[in-house]
Amino acid sequence: MGISQPLMTDTETTQKKFVTQQLAERPENTSMQQSSLSSVEVGRGSIVANIVSTLLLRIASRTSFVILGFYLGEHFASATIVAVVLEAFYISELVLAPAMGSLSDRLGRKPFLLTAPVLGIGAAVFFLICALLFPQPQADKFDVKLVVLLLLVLLGRLLEGAATGVNTPASLGYITDTTTGSAKLRTQVMTAFEVVTVGGLALAIPFGGQVSNFLGTWGFLVVVALHVLNLGLIVGFIKESTHHEARADHGSLVESLRMLGNKRIFTFLPAWLSVNALVGAWITLITIVLAYPNPAADMRFPGQLLYGGFSKGSATMLLGGFGLLFLLGMGLWMLVLPRMRRTTTMLIGLGGLSISIIVLTLINGLAENPQSIAPQAMTELIVLLVPLVLGIVLLSGFTPAALTQMASIAETQKGKRGAVMGLYSVVLGIGQLLGASLGGMSVDAGGFYGLMIFSVVLGLLALASVLYMRAHRDDLI
């Protein structure tokens, strides 16, 4: 582990000297050489501003999600209708992310960073207009007004998804541009990106709930304010980062999908997809599983402590605790990740997943429900929390290591960095959708034990992918 990093640094240094020498001998490429060198001179202030911009976008979009969820949930008895409308967010994100990554390679990152909050403002205004036009929708009567409302909300969610689809590949491409030649800085910034992504979602849930409680649907104006603040931050503090050669013609706008033909990307994607599916399943389903009402839960899957019987507040707090530990773990990993081989970190993360699954399975068998847990079982539960915390902290290292791997692959693809990083949004969205849907089927089949079995399958798929990468040294780039 300690040998691979210096070798990689020496190789990069040699290559950089060679390229610089070649460019210096070719006068016609002088401007291109200057552009390449300027890409690392944007300053750390621009990098920090880019990370803060991502945080603001995540908080704004999730706050909007919470307000909209309360608005629809108060008037629609069908959870399926509400879920379908809200999850339309991922459709536009999946469609746009690859194309936006390629376009940001041609046109620069900043235009797309600026476009994202503008789309977010449009979506929030759209939702506010919907709420004003339909303050008390009659969901029990299917008519033209109801169809119009659902279509308007659907359009707004597609706009929000477009904002993320435009922002994420450009933001990640920006990080890749500005950290070229510094593996340590890249690892730290990529980890920070993951921290604000998860942290923004975690902070926005209680924040959005309070905004909704005090302002109702007028809370969409708070969302607008967050996007305006983000827009000002991008205009004032983020400098353009792309290389001159990155603006050359690349042909197809779906360059990200063509990147799947790259061997390193193709062999790594199973691990990245599996972990995103796992996170999607846990975040989406845990609160539903825990809060399933009794006695129906005990009748459906008896003898499972973690299936049903918890209040919604308790279930939310437990999920929040998981998110907090995950954030803490990523913060700790930021300190040691630059010194370790990336597949080593991923294997440790998968080891943490194994610990978490084993401990949660043992906890699930301690009692019938939270109300019937015995004193001895409570003692065992407290003891089991120690390895559970350890497992979650270890697991949290996988995500920043994986994202750093994607960025390192992107650096090898001249002029196509945004296209490669556009895959981040694609895989994230697909993983979330697959995890929630297939994980839900697993829960229906076996309760909380079913979710754990599903997690084991995903963990094994990720393990096979990581071991293949390690054997072929695909992480040493």
Protein backbone atom coordinates (compact mmCIF):
# COMPACT_ATOMS: atom_id res chain seq x y z
CA MET A 1 0.00 0.00 0.00
CA GLY A 2 2.75 2.41 0.90
CA ILE A 3 4.66 1.79 -2.36
CA SER A 4 1.90 2.36 -4.89
CA GLN A 5 1.34 6.05 -4.14
CA PRO A 6 4.92 7.28 -4.75
CA LEU A 7 5.13 5.25 -7.96
CA MET A 8 1.96 6.85 -9.21
CA THR A 9 3.22 10.32 -8.27
CA ASP A 10 6.56 9.79 -10.03
CA THR A 11 4.79 8.56 -13.17
CA GLU A 12 2.49 11.54 -13.23
CA THR A 13 5.44 13.92 -12.71
CA THR A 14 7.40 12.34 -15.56
CA GLN A 15 4.43 12.46 -17.90
CA LYS A 16 3.75 16.08 -17.04
CA LYS A 17 7.36 17.08 -17.74
CA PHE A 18 7.30 15.23 -21.07
CA VAL A 19 4.05 16.86 -22.17
CA THR A 20 5.25 20.31 -21.11
CA GLN A 21 8.49 19.88 -23.04
CA GLN A 22 6.64 18.71 -26.17
CA LEU A 23 4.27 21.67 -26.02
CA ALA A 24 7.11 24.12 -25.53
CA GLU A 25 8.71 22.85 -28.74
CA ARG A 26 5.48 23.51 -30.66
CA PRO A 27 4.67 27.27 -30.80
CA GLU A 28 1.24 26.64 -32.23
CA ASN A 29 0.23 24.93 -28.98
CA THR A 30 1.39 27.70 -26.64
CA SER A 31 -2.14 28.87 -25.87
CA MET A 32 -3.24 25.35 -25.12
CA GLN A 33 -0.31 24.90 -22.73
CA GLN A 34 -1.28 28.08 -20.88
CA SER A 35 -4.88 26.95 -20.64
CA SER A 36 -3.86 23.59 -19.22
CA LEU A 37 -1.69 25.20 -16.57
CA SER A 38 -4.39 27.72 -15.63
CA SER A 39 -6.79 24.91 -14.75
CA VAL A 40 -4.93 24.26 -11.49
CA GLU A 41 -4.65 27.96 -10.63
CA VAL A 42 -8.28 28.65 -9.83
CA GLY A 43 -7.39 28.60 -6.14
CA ARG A 44 -8.81 26.61 -3.28
CA GLY A 45 -11.46 29.29 -2.81
CA SER A 46 -13.11 28.24 -6.08
CA ILE A 47 -12.94 24.58 -5.09
CA VAL A 48 -14.54 25.30 -1.71
CA ALA A 49 -17.19 27.44 -3.40
CA ASN A 50 -18.01 24.55 -5.73
CA ILE A 51 -18.48 22.21 -2.74
CA VAL A 52 -20.67 24.75 -0.90
CA SER A 53 -22.70 25.22 -4.09
CA THR A 54 -23.39 21.48 -4.15
CA LEU A 55 -24.47 21.63 -0.50
CA LEU A 56 -26.91 24.48 -1.18
CA LEU A 57 -28.37 22.67 -4.18
CA ARG A 58 -28.91 19.45 -2.19
CA ILE A 59 -30.53 21.29 0.73
CA ALA A 60 -32.79 23.28 -1.60
CA SER A 61 -33.93 20.27 -3.64
CA ARG A 62 -34.58 18.07 -0.58
CA THR A 63 -36.41 20.91 1.22
CA SER A 64 -38.63 21.26 -1.82
CA PHE A 65 -39.16 17.48 -1.77
CA VAL A 66 -40.27 17.57 1.89
CA ILE A 67 -42.67 20.49 1.40
CA LEU A 68 -44.14 18.91 -1.71
CA GLY A 69 -44.43 15.55 0.04
CA PHE A 70 -46.44 17.09 2.87
CA TYR A 71 -48.64 18.97 0.41
CA LEU A 72 -49.45 15.86 -1.63
CA GLY A 73 -49.57 13.53 1.35
CA GLU A 74 -52.28 15.61 3.03
CA HIS A 75 -54.60 15.21 0.05
CA PHE A 76 -53.72 11.88 -1.57
CA ALA A 77 -54.48 8.60 0.14
CA SER A 78 -52.60 6.61 -2.51
CA ALA A 79 -48.91 6.43 -1.65
CA THR A 80 -48.24 4.96 -5.11
CA ILE A 81 -49.41 8.09 -6.93
CA VAL A 82 -47.36 10.34 -4.66
CA ALA A 83 -44.26 8.15 -5.01
CA VAL A 84 -44.47 7.99 -8.80
CA VAL A 85 -44.76 11.76 -9.09
CA LEU A 86 -41.94 12.45 -6.63
CA GLU A 87 -39.57 9.85 -8.11
CA ALA A 88 -39.92 11.42 -11.57
CA PHE A 89 -36.97 13.48 -10.36
CA TYR A 90 -34.62 10.66 -11.40
CA ILE A 91 -35.95 10.44 -14.97
CA SER A 92 -34.61 13.79 -16.11
CA GLU A 93 -31.44 13.35 -14.05
CA LEU A 94 -30.64 10.03 -15.73
CA VAL A 95 -31.43 11.35 -19.21
CA LEU A 96 -29.52 14.62 -18.90
CA ALA A 97 -26.43 13.71 -16.84
CA PRO A 98 -24.45 11.97 -19.62
CA ALA A 99 -25.15 14.68 -22.19
CA MET A 100 -24.42 17.49 -19.73
CA GLY A 101 -21.10 15.88 -18.83
CA SER A 102 -20.02 15.86 -22.47
CA LEU A 103 -21.27 19.40 -23.07
CA SER A 104 -19.39 20.69 -20.03
CA ASP A 105 -16.23 19.22 -21.57
CA ARG A 106 -16.87 21.37 -24.66
CA LEU A 107 -18.31 24.56 -23.23
CA GLY A 108 -16.81 24.72 -19.76
CA ARG A 109 -18.13 23.82 -16.31
CA LYS A 110 -19.41 27.17 -15.10
CA PRO A 111 -22.30 27.62 -17.55
CA PHE A 112 -23.81 24.36 -16.28
CA LEU A 113 -23.13 25.19 -12.64
CA LEU A 114 -25.07 28.43 -13.25
CA THR A 115 -27.92 26.68 -15.05
CA ALA A 116 -28.67 24.31 -12.14
CA PRO A 117 -29.97 26.89 -9.61
CA VAL A 118 -31.91 28.66 -12.38
CA LEU A 119 -33.76 25.40 -13.09
CA GLY A 120 -34.25 24.93 -9.35
CA ILE A 121 -35.81 28.38 -9.06
CA GLY A 122 -38.14 27.56 -11.94
CA ALA A 123 -39.21 24.31 -10.27
CA ALA A 124 -39.87 25.95 -6.88
CA VAL A 125 -41.92 28.76 -8.47
CA PHE A 126 -43.82 26.10 -10.42
CA PHE A 127 -44.70 24.23 -7.20
CA LEU A 128 -45.81 27.43 -5.49
CA ILE A 129 -48.10 28.28 -8.41
CA CYS A 130 -49.56 24.76 -8.26
CA ALA A 131 -50.25 25.09 -4.54
CA LEU A 132 -51.91 28.50 -5.04
CA LEU A 133 -54.04 27.26 -7.93
CA PHE A 134 -55.02 24.07 -6.08
CA PRO A 135 -54.95 24.87 -2.34
CA GLN A 136 -57.33 22.01 -1.49
CA PRO A 137 -57.17 19.41 -4.29
CA GLN A 138 -59.93 16.81 -4.22
CA ALA A 139 -57.91 13.65 -4.71
CA ASP A 140 -60.94 11.39 -4.16
CA LYS A 141 -62.52 12.67 -7.36
CA PHE A 142 -60.56 11.94 -10.54
CA ASP A 143 -61.23 14.86 -12.89
CA VAL A 144 -59.47 17.27 -15.24
CA LYS A 145 -58.29 19.51 -12.37
CA LEU A 146 -56.60 16.60 -10.64
CA VAL A 147 -54.88 15.52 -13.86
CA VAL A 148 -53.68 19.10 -14.46
CA LEU A 149 -52.31 19.30 -10.90
CA LEU A 150 -50.42 16.02 -11.19
CA LEU A 151 -48.99 16.98 -14.58
CA LEU A 152 -47.81 20.36 -13.25
CA VAL A 153 -46.17 18.74 -10.21
CA LEU A 154 -44.62 16.12 -12.48
CA LEU A 155 -43.16 18.86 -14.68
CA GLY A 156 -41.76 20.61 -11.62
CA ARG A 157 -40.09 17.42 -10.41
CA LEU A 158 -38.59 16.89 -13.85
CA LEU A 159 -37.14 20.42 -13.66
CA GLU A 160 -35.61 19.64 -10.26
CA GLY A 161 -34.12 16.44 -11.60
CA ALA A 162 -32.74 18.41 -14.54
CA ALA A 163 -31.05 20.79 -12.09
CA THR A 164 -29.21 17.89 -10.46
CA GLY A 165 -28.49 16.27 -13.82
CA VAL A 166 -26.89 19.51 -15.02
CA ASN A 167 -24.99 20.23 -11.82
CA THR A 168 -23.48 16.90 -10.76
CA PRO A 169 -21.33 15.98 -13.81
CA ALA A 170 -20.18 19.59 -14.18
CA SER A 171 -19.33 19.84 -10.47
CA LEU A 172 -17.43 16.56 -10.46
CA GLY A 173 -15.70 17.50 -13.71
CA TYR A 174 -14.69 20.77 -12.06
CA ILE A 175 -13.16 18.87 -9.15
CA THR A 176 -11.27 16.59 -11.52
CA ASP A 177 -9.93 19.59 -13.48
CA THR A 178 -8.78 21.52 -10.44
CA THR A 179 -7.12 18.61 -8.63
CA THR A 180 -5.10 17.24 -11.54
CA GLY A 181 -1.66 16.14 -10.35
CA SER A 182 -2.58 16.07 -6.65
CA ALA A 183 -3.96 12.72 -5.53
CA LYS A 184 -4.18 13.87 -1.91
CA LEU A 185 -6.15 17.02 -2.72
CA ARG A 186 -8.46 15.11 -5.06
CA THR A 187 -9.24 12.52 -2.39
CA GLN A 188 -10.00 15.22 0.16
CA VAL A 189 -12.22 17.18 -2.21
CA MET A 190 -14.07 14.10 -3.47
CA THR A 191 -14.70 13.04 0.12
CA ALA A 192 -15.95 16.54 0.91
CA PHE A 193 -18.29 16.29 -2.09
CA GLU A 194 -19.77 13.06 -0.71
CA VAL A 195 -20.03 14.56 2.78
CA VAL A 196 -22.03 17.59 1.57
CA THR A 197 -24.16 15.39 -0.69
CA VAL A 198 -25.20 13.13 2.19
CA GLY A 199 -25.13 15.94 4.75
CA GLY A 200 -27.27 18.21 2.59
CA LEU A 201 -29.95 15.55 2.32
CA ALA A 202 -29.76 14.81 6.06
CA LEU A 203 -29.96 18.48 7.10
CA ALA A 204 -32.76 19.30 4.69
CA ILE A 205 -35.20 16.72 6.09
CA PRO A 206 -35.69 18.39 9.51
CA PHE A 207 -35.17 21.84 7.98
CA GLY A 208 -37.82 21.23 5.34
CA GLY A 209 -40.20 19.88 7.98
CA GLN A 210 -39.89 23.06 10.04
CA VAL A 211 -40.28 25.28 6.96
CA SER A 212 -43.42 23.36 6.03
CA ASN A 213 -44.80 23.61 9.59
CA PHE A 214 -44.36 27.39 9.76
CA LEU A 215 -44.94 28.46 6.17
CA GLY A 216 -46.81 25.64 4.46
CA THR A 217 -46.47 25.79 0.70
CA TRP A 218 -45.17 29.36 0.96
CA GLY A 219 -41.99 27.57 2.06
CA PHE A 220 -41.16 27.19 -1.63
CA LEU A 221 -40.02 30.83 -1.41
CA VAL A 222 -37.32 29.66 1.02
CA VAL A 223 -36.25 27.16 -1.64
CA VAL A 224 -36.08 30.00 -4.17
CA ALA A 225 -33.92 32.01 -1.75
CA LEU A 226 -31.49 29.10 -1.36
CA HIS A 227 -31.13 28.81 -5.12
CA VAL A 228 -30.61 32.59 -5.48
CA LEU A 229 -27.89 32.41 -2.81
CA ASN A 230 -26.30 29.54 -4.73
CA LEU A 231 -26.44 31.52 -7.97
CA GLY A 232 -24.65 34.46 -6.37
CA LEU A 233 -21.99 32.15 -4.96
CA ILE A 234 -21.28 30.63 -8.39
CA VAL A 235 -21.16 34.02 -10.14
CA GLY A 236 -18.88 35.62 -7.56
CA PHE A 237 -16.54 32.89 -6.40
CA ILE A 238 -16.22 30.05 -8.93
CA LYS A 239 -13.73 30.44 -11.77
CA GLU A 240 -13.80 28.39 -14.97
CA SER A 241 -11.59 25.30 -14.83
CA THR A 242 -11.59 23.44 -18.13
CA HIS A 243 -8.54 22.76 -20.26
CA HIS A 244 -8.40 24.27 -23.73
CA GLU A 245 -8.29 20.81 -25.29
CA ALA A 246 -11.43 19.89 -23.38
CA ARG A 247 -13.34 22.31 -25.58
CA ALA A 248 -12.57 20.45 -28.77
CA ASP A 249 -15.31 18.67 -30.72
CA HIS A 250 -16.15 15.27 -29.28
CA GLY A 251 -19.04 14.27 -31.48
CA SER A 252 -21.89 12.56 -29.71
CA LEU A 253 -23.58 14.12 -26.72
CA VAL A 254 -23.95 10.70 -25.15
CA GLU A 255 -20.22 10.34 -24.65
CA SER A 256 -20.76 9.21 -21.06
CA LEU A 257 -22.53 6.09 -22.23
CA ARG A 258 -19.73 5.37 -24.70
CA MET A 259 -17.34 5.56 -21.77
CA LEU A 260 -18.80 2.24 -20.64
CA GLY A 261 -16.55 0.66 -23.24
CA ASN A 262 -13.56 1.70 -21.13
CA LYS A 263 -12.31 -1.45 -19.39
CA ARG A 264 -11.59 0.25 -16.06
CA ILE A 265 -15.04 1.82 -15.95
CA PHE A 266 -16.83 -1.33 -17.05
CA THR A 267 -15.19 -3.52 -14.41
CA PHE A 268 -15.71 -0.93 -11.66
CA LEU A 269 -19.38 -0.17 -12.31
CA PRO A 270 -20.77 -3.36 -10.69
CA ALA A 271 -19.25 -2.33 -7.37
CA TRP A 272 -20.38 1.29 -7.70
CA LEU A 273 -23.90 0.28 -8.76
CA SER A 274 -24.22 -2.32 -5.99
CA VAL A 275 -23.23 0.09 -3.23
CA ASN A 276 -25.56 2.80 -4.55
CA ALA A 277 -28.39 0.24 -4.69
CA LEU A 278 -27.59 -0.77 -1.12
CA VAL A 279 -27.65 2.81 0.14
CA GLY A 280 -30.86 3.47 -1.81
CA ALA A 281 -32.53 0.42 -0.29
CA TRP A 282 -31.51 1.23 3.27
CA ILE A 283 -32.35 4.94 3.17
CA THR A 284 -35.68 4.44 1.40
CA LEU A 285 -36.91 1.33 3.18
CA ILE A 286 -35.56 1.39 6.74
CA THR A 287 -38.10 3.90 8.06
CA ILE A 288 -40.95 2.10 6.29
CA VAL A 289 -39.87 -1.26 7.70
CA LEU A 290 -39.35 0.01 11.25
CA ALA A 291 -42.62 1.95 11.37
CA TYR A 292 -44.85 -0.80 9.96
CA PRO A 293 -47.87 -0.85 12.33
CA ASN A 294 -48.49 -3.56 14.91
CA PRO A 295 -50.09 -6.06 15.34
CA ALA A 296 -50.02 -6.46 11.55
CA ALA A 297 -46.21 -6.48 11.55
CA ASP A 298 -45.95 -9.27 14.14
CA MET A 299 -48.56 -11.32 12.30
CA ARG A 300 -46.81 -10.90 8.97
CA PHE A 301 -43.24 -11.59 10.13
CA PRO A 302 -43.19 -12.74 13.76
CA GLY A 303 -40.02 -12.68 15.81
CA GLN A 304 -38.41 -9.73 14.03
CA LEU A 305 -37.57 -6.82 16.31
CA LEU A 306 -36.69 -4.49 13.44
CA TYR A 307 -39.85 -5.16 11.45
CA GLY A 308 -42.63 -2.88 12.69
CA GLY A 309 -43.63 -1.45 16.05
CA PHE A 310 -41.47 1.70 16.01
CA SER A 311 -43.03 5.15 15.95
CA LYS A 312 -42.37 7.35 12.94
CA GLY A 313 -40.32 9.66 15.14
CA SER A 314 -38.17 6.83 16.44
CA ALA A 315 -37.67 5.39 12.96
CA THR A 316 -36.61 8.82 11.65
CA MET A 317 -34.19 9.31 14.53
CA LEU A 318 -32.61 5.90 13.94
CA LEU A 319 -32.13 6.70 10.25
CA GLY A 320 -30.72 10.08 11.23
CA GLY A 321 -28.26 8.35 13.55
CA PHE A 322 -27.14 6.14 10.69
CA GLY A 323 -26.62 9.22 8.49
CA LEU A 324 -24.67 11.00 11.22
CA LEU A 325 -22.35 8.02 11.72
CA PHE A 326 -21.88 7.76 7.96
CA LEU A 327 -20.90 11.45 7.78
CA LEU A 328 -18.55 11.10 10.75
CA GLY A 329 -16.96 8.07 9.13
CA MET A 330 -16.38 9.87 5.83
CA GLY A 331 -14.78 12.74 7.72
CA LEU A 332 -12.37 10.32 9.40
CA TRP A 333 -11.65 8.54 6.13
CA MET A 334 -10.69 11.88 4.57
CA LEU A 335 -7.61 11.88 6.82
CA VAL A 336 -6.30 8.44 5.87
CA LEU A 337 -7.68 7.73 2.39
CA PRO A 338 -4.88 9.55 0.48
CA ARG A 339 -2.32 7.21 2.08
CA MET A 340 -4.10 4.00 1.12
CA ARG A 341 -4.67 2.04 -2.06
CA ARG A 342 -8.24 2.67 -3.19
CA THR A 343 -9.23 -1.00 -3.44
CA THR A 344 -7.88 -1.51 0.09
CA THR A 345 -10.30 1.14 1.34
CA MET A 346 -13.14 -0.41 -0.64
CA LEU A 347 -12.42 -3.87 0.80
CA ILE A 348 -12.37 -2.43 4.31
CA GLY A 349 -15.70 -0.74 3.52
CA LEU A 350 -17.20 -4.04 2.38
CA GLY A 351 -15.85 -5.60 5.57
CA GLY A 352 -17.75 -2.92 7.47
CA LEU A 353 -20.86 -3.85 5.49
CA SER A 354 -20.43 -7.48 6.54
CA ILE A 355 -20.14 -6.49 10.20
CA SER A 356 -23.22 -4.27 9.93
CA ILE A 357 -25.32 -7.01 8.29
CA ILE A 358 -24.32 -9.63 10.89
CA VAL A 359 -25.00 -7.31 13.83
CA LEU A 360 -28.34 -6.07 12.46
CA THR A 361 -29.40 -9.67 11.84
CA LEU A 362 -28.57 -10.57 15.45
CA ILE A 363 -30.43 -7.51 16.76
CA ASN A 364 -33.46 -8.39 14.64
CA GLY A 365 -33.79 -11.71 16.48
CA LEU A 366 -33.66 -10.30 20.02
CA ALA A 367 -37.42 -9.77 20.44
CA GLU A 368 -40.84 -9.73 18.80
CA ASN A 369 -41.12 -5.93 18.83
CA PRO A 370 -39.69 -2.92 20.74
CA GLN A 371 -42.38 -3.17 23.42
CA SER A 372 -41.62 -6.80 24.30
CA ILE A 373 -37.83 -6.67 24.56
CA ALA A 374 -36.58 -8.30 27.78
CA PRO A 375 -33.92 -6.81 30.12
CA GLN A 376 -31.35 -9.43 29.08
CA ALA A 377 -32.07 -8.76 25.42
CA MET A 378 -31.67 -5.03 26.09
CA THR A 379 -28.21 -5.66 27.51
CA GLU A 380 -27.30 -7.69 24.45
CA LEU A 381 -28.62 -4.90 22.24
CA ILE A 382 -26.40 -2.31 23.94
CA VAL A 383 -23.36 -4.57 23.53
CA LEU A 384 -24.14 -5.14 19.85
CA LEU A 385 -24.31 -1.40 19.17
CA VAL A 386 -20.51 -1.17 19.50
CA PRO A 387 -19.65 -3.38 16.49
CA LEU A 388 -22.57 -1.84 14.59
CA VAL A 389 -21.08 1.65 14.94
CA LEU A 390 -17.70 0.27 13.86
CA GLY A 391 -19.24 -1.42 10.83
CA ILE A 392 -21.01 1.75 9.66
CA VAL A 393 -17.85 3.87 10.06
CA LEU A 394 -15.82 1.34 8.07
CA LEU A 395 -18.53 1.11 5.39
CA SER A 396 -18.51 4.90 4.93
CA GLY A 397 -15.03 4.73 3.39
CA PHE A 398 -16.25 2.91 0.28
CA THR A 399 -18.10 5.88 -1.23
CA PRO A 400 -15.28 8.48 -1.28
CA ALA A 401 -12.80 5.82 -2.44
CA ALA A 402 -15.13 4.86 -5.30
CA LEU A 403 -15.66 8.47 -6.32
CA THR A 404 -11.92 9.10 -6.26
CA GLN A 405 -11.48 6.06 -8.51
CA MET A 406 -13.95 7.54 -11.00
CA ALA A 407 -12.10 10.85 -10.95
CA SER A 408 -8.76 9.13 -11.53
CA ILE A 409 -10.22 7.27 -14.51
CA ALA A 410 -11.63 10.56 -15.81
CA GLU A 411 -8.17 12.14 -15.67
CA THR A 412 -6.91 9.54 -18.15
CA GLN A 413 -9.61 10.55 -20.65
CA LYS A 414 -8.43 13.86 -22.08
CA GLY A 415 -11.26 16.21 -22.90
CA LYS A 416 -13.86 13.74 -21.64
CA ARG A 417 -13.71 14.24 -17.90
CA GLY A 418 -17.23 15.60 -17.63
CA ALA A 419 -18.49 12.70 -19.73
CA VAL A 420 -16.91 10.18 -17.38
CA MET A 421 -18.14 11.94 -14.26
CA GLY A 422 -21.61 12.14 -15.80
CA LEU A 423 -21.76 8.41 -15.09
CA TYR A 424 -21.82 9.29 -11.40
CA SER A 425 -25.36 10.67 -11.69
CA VAL A 426 -26.46 7.85 -13.97
CA VAL A 427 -25.24 5.07 -11.67
CA LEU A 428 -26.45 6.90 -8.57
CA GLY A 429 -29.96 7.27 -9.98
CA ILE A 430 -30.16 3.73 -11.32
CA GLY A 431 -28.79 2.38 -8.04
CA GLN A 432 -31.36 4.30 -5.99
CA LEU A 433 -34.23 3.08 -8.16
CA LEU A 434 -33.07 -0.56 -8.27
CA GLY A 435 -32.26 -0.60 -4.58
CA ALA A 436 -35.63 0.74 -3.54
CA SER A 437 -37.62 -1.52 -5.88
CA LEU A 438 -35.72 -4.82 -5.50
CA GLY A 439 -35.12 -4.13 -1.83
CA GLY A 440 -38.85 -3.59 -1.37
CA MET A 441 -39.54 -6.98 -2.95
CA SER A 442 -37.03 -8.55 -0.56
CA VAL A 443 -38.78 -6.95 2.41
CA ASP A 444 -42.15 -8.19 1.19
CA ALA A 445 -40.70 -11.70 0.95
CA GLY A 446 -38.83 -11.89 4.25
CA GLY A 447 -39.24 -8.76 6.32
CA PHE A 448 -36.05 -7.25 7.74
CA TYR A 449 -34.24 -10.55 7.15
CA GLY A 450 -35.15 -10.22 3.48
CA LEU A 451 -33.51 -6.78 3.37
CA MET A 452 -30.36 -8.22 4.92
CA ILE A 453 -30.24 -11.08 2.38
CA PHE A 454 -30.60 -8.52 -0.41
CA SER A 455 -27.72 -6.57 1.16
CA VAL A 456 -25.53 -9.70 1.19
CA VAL A 457 -26.12 -10.25 -2.52
CA LEU A 458 -25.18 -6.65 -3.33
CA GLY A 459 -22.11 -6.90 -1.12
CA LEU A 460 -20.90 -10.03 -2.92
CA LEU A 461 -21.34 -8.37 -6.33
CA ALA A 462 -19.34 -5.38 -5.14
CA LEU A 463 -16.65 -7.65 -3.68
CA ALA A 464 -16.19 -9.53 -6.97
CA SER A 465 -15.80 -6.23 -8.86
CA VAL A 466 -13.28 -4.79 -6.37
CA LEU A 467 -11.18 -7.98 -6.28
CA TYR A 468 -11.03 -8.01 -10.10
CA MET A 469 -9.90 -4.38 -10.10
CA ARG A 470 -7.25 -5.11 -7.50
CA ALA A 471 -5.94 -8.19 -9.31
CA HIS A 472 -5.55 -6.20 -12.54
CA ARG A 473 -4.18 -3.12 -10.70
CA ASP A 474 -6.89 -0.93 -12.22
CA ASP A 475 -6.94 1.24 -9.11
CA LEU A 476 -3.28 2.26 -9.50
CA ILE A 477 -3.92 5.19 -11.85
